[in-house]
């Protein structure tokens, strides 16, 4: 599969058909589809403009950044349609119908809300293009005008993270009858949400009362990608220069959980733009969290999700390596995880005792050192058991980072002594 060649979308759908079926209603998702959508897209990096999640495809090492982002955008939009689909998908025919309908919606969505990406529905000879052809061409156009070819974490963050708003607005679009009035509303929402992102990032950048030279340059990068009209662009430049009080941001109040998560997490990442995270910046994040209607657990979970994402993908985030200390992030993450496992200790003990495989491996470990295969089995089993904790119904676990030695640090002290 080569996302740069014609026909890539068909090959992608064939490769992903089993996973896409799992996204549909009635196939084990968490109670609210927005939670499922967050768990689907947050680990991939698309919320943060980092296409690190496209790793399990054939020939992926030969792909460019734009190719990876294109695949992640397609998977996020199609996955969104399946998560919000209100009927269970039981057969391959059911799945095919839902995907075709999703592709039709994607083509209509972009042609209506993104006029700069408008794609003719017919060929030069007058025959109608299939939904597959239309969607593929639109994905190609969308990524070509959005994705920034750069190795700089922050350049990609500011240029590409706005793709999340495509996914969010599309999730609303699929529930409407798209007439001109509806299209005008979503065009307005697209502009307003982008402007809200400008305000959140500017407020975060000014939260320590100093706009660093590097932050100023990063904000300029971001403005290049917003595609705001001239009057809003002038206002945005003023906001970036002077800052804006948090109370004046007027974030959308449509009670979308995932949209508020997005605002919170891009703010957290913005204050990571320089190495030193100051008390004033932490205070800002806490105030923003409260303004969004979240509690301390919500903030803790977002920090957990971001730290897990960074640790899992550290090798792919070269710029961040010079700005953040891996060991410091790791220690913070282990500390957060340890608090969670301590509060869920009884649940974890029961899961371990109910697992014959884990009990057998622990029995062997008491008699001798486990072999490499056995250690991998124990690692996989412990991660599976951790996933029974309610927090991890929403927050994904960084499975490559969670080696057996790390897992032993995360679990409560003397945990295995109580299993016997």
Foldseek 3Di string as FASTA:
>chain_A
DALVDPPVLVVLCVVCVVVLLCLAPPNDAPDDLLLVLLQLQLLCCLLQLFRNNPDPDPPVVVHARLSSNLSSLLCSQSSLQRNPDPDRQDDSVSSVVSSQVSLQLQLVLCVLQPVVLNDDQADPVGHGDGSSNSSSSSSVVVSVLFADRDLASLLSRLRRNLSVVVSVLSSVSVVDDDDNVNSVVSNVVLQLLLLLLLQLLLQLCCLVVDNDPQNLVSSVSNLVRSPHPPVSSVVSNVCNVPNDDPVPSCDDDPPDPNSLLSSLLVSVVSCLSAQDNDPSSVVVSVVSCVVSVHDPVSVLLSLLQVLQSCLLCVVSNVNSVVGYPNVVSLVVNLVSLLVLQVVCLVQLLVLQLVDPLNVVLVVVVVVHPDDPVSQVVNLVSSLVSVCVRVSNSRRPGSSVSSHPVSSVSNHHPCSVVVND
